[in-house]
Amino acid sequence: MEKVLGFGGLFFRSKDPKALADWYQTHLGILPVPTGPEDQVWIQDAGPTVFSPFAADTDYFTADRQYMVNFRVADLDRMIAQLEAAAVAISHREEMDGIGRFARIHDPEGNPVELWQPA
């Protein structure tokens, strides 16, 4: 069976796409979509990726959102310190044995973003 190689992009609606792309670049280091041949695309590090549909009534993230992005990080404590220094609120912190540590933030439009340091 032929299968996909990984995520090629994540596309979602935004009230202010430029401002939101700038926020992700400033706080998480994700480069915006290239607009010309000299622009670089964000290259993610290889590693585990979880693809998991949740039940429609899950309480893992708020009911007014259809998705939550999860990004792997190398050092969750350093990432949290960096975000807190920029006045980005951390809403959840959790550790799961054998899986890793998690923290949750929300982007300026209220989208949940989970940060994961694998075990």
Protein backbone atom coordinates (compact mmCIF):
# COMPACT_ATOMS: atom_id res chain seq x y z
CA MET A 1 0.00 0.00 0.00
CA GLU A 2 1.25 3.48 -0.86
CA LYS A 3 1.21 5.84 2.11
CA VAL A 4 1.87 9.50 2.82
CA LEU A 5 5.32 10.54 4.03
CA GLY A 6 4.22 13.10 6.61
CA PHE A 7 2.52 16.45 6.90
CA GLY A 8 3.12 18.81 4.00
CA GLY A 9 1.23 21.67 5.59
CA LEU A 10 -1.48 22.69 7.99
CA PHE A 11 -4.09 25.08 6.63
CA PHE A 12 -6.71 26.83 8.72
CA ARG A 13 -8.79 29.99 8.69
CA SER A 14 -7.67 33.15 10.46
CA LYS A 15 -9.14 36.59 11.09
CA ASP A 16 -5.70 38.13 10.45
CA PRO A 17 -3.44 35.61 8.66
CA LYS A 18 -0.36 37.85 8.54
CA ALA A 19 -0.49 38.74 12.24
CA LEU A 20 -1.08 35.12 13.20
CA ALA A 21 1.79 33.89 10.99
CA ASP A 22 4.02 36.53 12.61
CA TRP A 23 3.00 35.32 16.08
CA TYR A 24 3.89 31.71 15.23
CA GLN A 25 7.24 32.83 13.83
CA THR A 26 8.05 35.06 16.81
CA HIS A 27 7.03 32.64 19.57
CA LEU A 28 7.49 29.19 18.07
CA GLY A 29 10.02 29.74 15.28
CA ILE A 30 7.73 28.57 12.47
CA LEU A 31 8.53 30.34 9.23
CA PRO A 32 5.56 31.73 7.28
CA VAL A 33 4.56 30.39 3.86
CA PRO A 34 7.12 31.42 1.24
CA THR A 35 5.94 34.14 -1.12
CA GLY A 36 8.92 34.09 -3.48
CA PRO A 37 11.73 31.86 -4.72
CA GLU A 38 14.23 33.23 -2.18
CA ASP A 39 11.99 32.59 0.86
CA GLN A 40 12.63 29.51 2.96
CA VAL A 41 9.94 27.08 4.05
CA TRP A 42 9.82 25.83 7.65
CA ILE A 43 11.64 22.48 7.87
CA GLN A 44 10.60 20.40 10.84
CA ASP A 45 12.91 17.98 12.60
CA ALA A 46 12.19 14.30 12.03
CA GLY A 47 10.52 12.58 14.93
CA PRO A 48 7.32 11.01 16.13
CA THR A 49 4.01 12.38 14.87
CA VAL A 50 0.66 11.44 16.36
CA PHE A 51 -2.44 11.54 14.16
CA SER A 52 -5.46 11.07 16.38
CA PRO A 53 -9.09 11.87 15.70
CA PHE A 54 -10.86 12.50 19.01
CA ALA A 55 -14.49 11.82 19.90
CA ALA A 56 -16.78 14.75 19.05
CA ASP A 57 -17.52 15.27 22.75
CA THR A 58 -13.89 15.18 23.99
CA ASP A 59 -12.94 17.52 26.78
CA TYR A 60 -9.21 17.28 25.96
CA PHE A 61 -9.56 20.67 24.25
CA THR A 62 -12.41 23.17 24.16
CA ALA A 63 -15.63 22.26 22.39
CA ASP A 64 -15.60 25.44 20.28
CA ARG A 65 -12.47 24.21 18.40
CA GLN A 66 -12.36 21.40 15.88
CA TYR A 67 -8.65 20.74 16.19
CA MET A 68 -5.58 21.27 18.33
CA VAL A 69 -2.05 21.44 16.94
CA ASN A 70 0.68 19.60 18.84
CA PHE A 71 4.31 20.60 18.30
CA ARG A 72 7.32 18.62 19.52
CA VAL A 73 9.93 20.57 21.46
CA ALA A 74 13.42 19.62 22.62
CA ASP A 75 13.28 21.37 25.99
CA LEU A 76 9.82 22.13 27.36
CA ASP A 77 11.12 24.08 30.36
CA ARG A 78 13.11 26.45 28.13
CA MET A 79 10.16 26.85 25.76
CA ILE A 80 7.82 27.65 28.66
CA ALA A 81 10.28 30.20 30.06
CA GLN A 82 10.58 31.83 26.62
CA LEU A 83 6.80 32.00 26.21
CA GLU A 84 6.19 33.30 29.73
CA ALA A 85 8.84 36.01 29.17
CA ALA A 86 6.76 37.10 26.16
CA ALA A 87 3.56 37.11 28.29
CA VAL A 88 2.13 34.00 26.60
CA ALA A 89 -0.02 32.17 29.17
CA ILE A 90 0.52 28.47 29.81
CA SER A 91 -2.90 26.93 30.46
CA HIS A 92 -2.09 23.26 31.12
CA ARG A 93 0.95 21.27 32.16
CA GLU A 94 0.96 17.50 32.26
CA GLU A 95 3.33 14.57 32.34
CA MET A 96 2.44 11.11 31.00
CA ASP A 97 4.73 8.24 31.95
CA GLY A 98 6.50 6.83 28.92
CA ILE A 99 5.01 9.46 26.59
CA GLY A 100 6.44 12.76 27.76
CA ARG A 101 5.62 16.19 29.11
CA PHE A 102 3.05 18.62 27.77
CA ALA A 103 2.11 22.27 28.08
CA ARG A 104 -0.77 24.09 26.42
CA ILE A 105 -0.92 27.61 25.08
CA HIS A 106 -3.39 29.45 22.86
CA ASP A 107 -2.51 31.60 19.88
CA PRO A 108 -3.94 35.14 19.65
CA GLU A 109 -7.08 33.81 17.94
CA GLY A 110 -7.75 31.29 20.71
CA ASN A 111 -6.56 28.17 18.87
CA PRO A 112 -5.15 25.59 21.30
CA VAL A 113 -1.51 24.66 20.77
CA GLU A 114 -0.02 21.76 22.69
CA LEU A 115 3.74 21.56 23.19
CA TRP A 116 5.19 18.09 23.71
CA GLN A 117 8.61 17.01 24.91
CA PRO A 118 8.67 13.27 24.14
CA ALA A 119 9.93 10.93 26.86
